Amino acid sequence: MNRDLIINVVVGVDAKLRRIERLALSIGDPQQHKSRIPPLITDVRRELQSLCGRLAQLEGGE
């Protein structure tokens, strides 16, 4: 895959995660969302970082 395409997808997903986080914190029971939503988003961001790291390793091996 094209490196730039992957980076654009990761940046787009991260932007969507920020939007989801803001929306979730603005509706419903804020205390419930504060305890559940940020850890979930942190996990997804960690996975994105892992994917970026693997991409960098693949590029380094080529």
N, C-alpha and C. Protein backbone atom coordinates (compact mmCIF):
# COMPACT_ATOMS: atom_id res chain seq x y z
N MET A 1 0.84 -1.20 0.00
CA MET A 1 0.00 0.00 0.00
C MET A 1 0.87 1.24 0.00
N ASN A 2 0.30 2.29 -0.46
CA ASN A 2 0.98 3.57 -0.50
C ASN A 2 1.08 4.16 0.91
N ARG A 3 2.29 4.52 1.30
CA ARG A 3 2.53 5.06 2.65
C ARG A 3 1.67 6.29 2.92
N ASP A 4 1.58 7.21 1.95
CA ASP A 4 0.79 8.43 2.14
C ASP A 4 -0.68 8.12 2.35
N LEU A 5 -1.18 7.13 1.65
CA LEU A 5 -2.58 6.73 1.82
C LEU A 5 -2.82 6.22 3.24
N ILE A 6 -1.91 5.39 3.74
CA ILE A 6 -2.05 4.86 5.10
C ILE A 6 -2.00 5.99 6.12
N ILE A 7 -1.07 6.91 5.94
CA ILE A 7 -0.97 8.04 6.87
C ILE A 7 -2.25 8.87 6.85
N ASN A 8 -2.80 9.11 5.66
CA ASN A 8 -4.04 9.88 5.56
C ASN A 8 -5.20 9.17 6.26
N VAL A 9 -5.25 7.86 6.15
CA VAL A 9 -6.30 7.09 6.82
C VAL A 9 -6.14 7.21 8.33
N VAL A 10 -4.92 7.06 8.83
CA VAL A 10 -4.67 7.15 10.27
C VAL A 10 -5.05 8.54 10.79
N VAL A 11 -4.64 9.58 10.08
CA VAL A 11 -4.97 10.94 10.50
C VAL A 11 -6.49 11.14 10.48
N GLY A 12 -7.16 10.62 9.47
CA GLY A 12 -8.61 10.73 9.39
C GLY A 12 -9.32 10.01 10.52
N VAL A 13 -8.84 8.82 10.84
CA VAL A 13 -9.44 8.06 11.95
C VAL A 13 -9.23 8.79 13.27
N ASP A 14 -8.04 9.33 13.47
CA ASP A 14 -7.78 10.06 14.71
C ASP A 14 -8.69 11.28 14.83
N ALA A 15 -8.91 11.97 13.73
CA ALA A 15 -9.82 13.13 13.75
C ALA A 15 -11.24 12.69 14.10
N LYS A 16 -11.67 11.57 13.55
CA LYS A 16 -13.01 11.06 13.87
C LYS A 16 -13.10 10.67 15.34
N LEU A 17 -12.02 10.09 15.89
CA LEU A 17 -12.02 9.73 17.30
C LEU A 17 -12.17 10.96 18.19
N ARG A 18 -11.49 12.04 17.83
CA ARG A 18 -11.63 13.28 18.61
C ARG A 18 -13.07 13.78 18.55
N ARG A 19 -13.68 13.69 17.38
CA ARG A 19 -15.07 14.14 17.24
C ARG A 19 -16.01 13.26 18.07
N ILE A 20 -15.81 11.96 18.01
CA ILE A 20 -16.64 11.05 18.80
C ILE A 20 -16.49 11.34 20.29
N GLU A 21 -15.25 11.58 20.71
CA GLU A 21 -15.00 11.87 22.12
C GLU A 21 -15.73 13.14 22.55
N ARG A 22 -15.65 14.19 21.75
CA ARG A 22 -16.35 15.44 22.08
C ARG A 22 -17.86 15.25 22.13
N LEU A 23 -18.40 14.53 21.15
CA LEU A 23 -19.84 14.29 21.12
C LEU A 23 -20.29 13.46 22.32
N ALA A 24 -19.54 12.42 22.63
CA ALA A 24 -19.91 11.54 23.74
C ALA A 24 -19.89 12.29 25.06
N LEU A 25 -18.92 13.18 25.22
CA LEU A 25 -18.83 13.92 26.47
C LEU A 25 -19.90 15.00 26.58
N SER A 26 -20.49 15.38 25.44
CA SER A 26 -21.48 16.45 25.46
C SER A 26 -22.91 15.95 25.65
N ILE A 27 -23.12 14.63 25.57
CA ILE A 27 -24.48 14.09 25.70
C ILE A 27 -24.55 13.09 26.84
N GLY A 28 -25.73 12.86 27.30
CA GLY A 28 -25.95 11.83 28.31
C GLY A 28 -25.30 12.17 29.64
N ASP A 29 -24.95 11.13 30.36
CA ASP A 29 -24.34 11.25 31.68
C ASP A 29 -22.84 11.47 31.52
N PRO A 30 -22.37 12.68 31.74
CA PRO A 30 -20.94 12.96 31.52
C PRO A 30 -20.02 12.07 32.34
N GLN A 31 -20.40 11.73 33.55
CA GLN A 31 -19.53 10.90 34.38
C GLN A 31 -19.36 9.51 33.78
N GLN A 32 -20.44 8.95 33.25
CA GLN A 32 -20.37 7.63 32.63
C GLN A 32 -19.47 7.68 31.39
N HIS A 33 -19.62 8.71 30.58
CA HIS A 33 -18.83 8.82 29.36
C HIS A 33 -17.36 9.07 29.68
N LYS A 34 -17.10 9.85 30.72
CA LYS A 34 -15.70 10.14 31.08
C LYS A 34 -14.98 8.87 31.50
N SER A 35 -15.71 7.94 32.08
CA SER A 35 -15.04 6.72 32.54
C SER A 35 -14.91 5.67 31.43
N ARG A 36 -15.75 5.72 30.42
CA ARG A 36 -15.73 4.67 29.38
C ARG A 36 -15.13 5.12 28.06
N ILE A 37 -15.50 6.30 27.59
CA ILE A 37 -15.10 6.72 26.25
C ILE A 37 -13.60 6.98 26.12
N PRO A 38 -12.99 7.80 26.98
CA PRO A 38 -11.55 8.06 26.79
C PRO A 38 -10.68 6.80 26.79
N PRO A 39 -10.90 5.82 27.69
CA PRO A 39 -10.06 4.62 27.61
C PRO A 39 -10.24 3.87 26.29
N LEU A 40 -11.45 3.84 25.78
CA LEU A 40 -11.70 3.17 24.50
C LEU A 40 -10.95 3.89 23.38
N ILE A 41 -11.03 5.20 23.36
CA ILE A 41 -10.35 5.98 22.33
C ILE A 41 -8.84 5.84 22.48
N THR A 42 -8.35 5.81 23.70
CA THR A 42 -6.92 5.61 23.94
C THR A 42 -6.48 4.26 23.37
N ASP A 43 -7.28 3.23 23.57
CA ASP A 43 -6.94 1.91 23.02
C ASP A 43 -6.87 1.94 21.50
N VAL A 44 -7.82 2.61 20.87
CA VAL A 44 -7.83 2.69 19.41
C VAL A 44 -6.62 3.48 18.92
N ARG A 45 -6.31 4.58 19.59
CA ARG A 45 -5.13 5.36 19.20
C ARG A 45 -3.84 4.55 19.37
N ARG A 46 -3.77 3.76 20.41
CA ARG A 46 -2.60 2.90 20.63
C ARG A 46 -2.45 1.90 19.48
N GLU A 47 -3.57 1.35 19.03
CA GLU A 47 -3.53 0.43 17.90
C GLU A 47 -3.06 1.14 16.63
N LEU A 48 -3.53 2.37 16.42
CA LEU A 48 -3.09 3.14 15.26
C LEU A 48 -1.58 3.39 15.32
N GLN A 49 -1.08 3.73 16.49
CA GLN A 49 0.36 3.95 16.64
C GLN A 49 1.13 2.66 16.37
N SER A 50 0.59 1.55 16.80
CA SER A 50 1.22 0.26 16.54
C SER A 50 1.28 -0.02 15.05
N LEU A 51 0.19 0.27 14.35
CA LEU A 51 0.18 0.08 12.90
C LEU A 51 1.21 0.97 12.22
N CYS A 52 1.32 2.21 12.69
CA CYS A 52 2.32 3.12 12.12
C CYS A 52 3.73 2.60 12.37
N GLY A 53 3.96 2.05 13.55
CA GLY A 53 5.26 1.48 13.86
C GLY A 53 5.59 0.30 12.97
N ARG A 54 4.60 -0.55 12.74
CA ARG A 54 4.81 -1.69 11.84
C ARG A 54 5.07 -1.23 10.42
N LEU A 55 4.37 -0.19 10.00
CA LEU A 55 4.60 0.37 8.67
C LEU A 55 6.03 0.87 8.55
N ALA A 56 6.51 1.57 9.57
CA ALA A 56 7.88 2.08 9.56
C ALA A 56 8.88 0.93 9.49
N GLN A 57 8.61 -0.16 10.21
CA GLN A 57 9.50 -1.33 10.16
C GLN A 57 9.52 -1.93 8.76
N LEU A 58 8.35 -2.03 8.14
CA LEU A 58 8.28 -2.58 6.79
C LEU A 58 9.05 -1.71 5.81
N GLU A 59 8.91 -0.41 5.95
CA GLU A 59 9.62 0.50 5.06
C GLU A 59 11.12 0.40 5.28
N GLY A 60 11.54 0.23 6.52
CA GLY A 60 12.96 0.10 6.83
C GLY A 60 13.55 -1.19 6.29
N GLY A 61 12.72 -2.22 6.18
CA GLY A 61 13.19 -3.52 5.70
C GLY A 61 13.25 -3.62 4.19
N GLU A 62 12.65 -2.67 3.50
CA GLU A 62 12.63 -2.72 2.04
C GLU A 62 13.91 -2.19 1.44
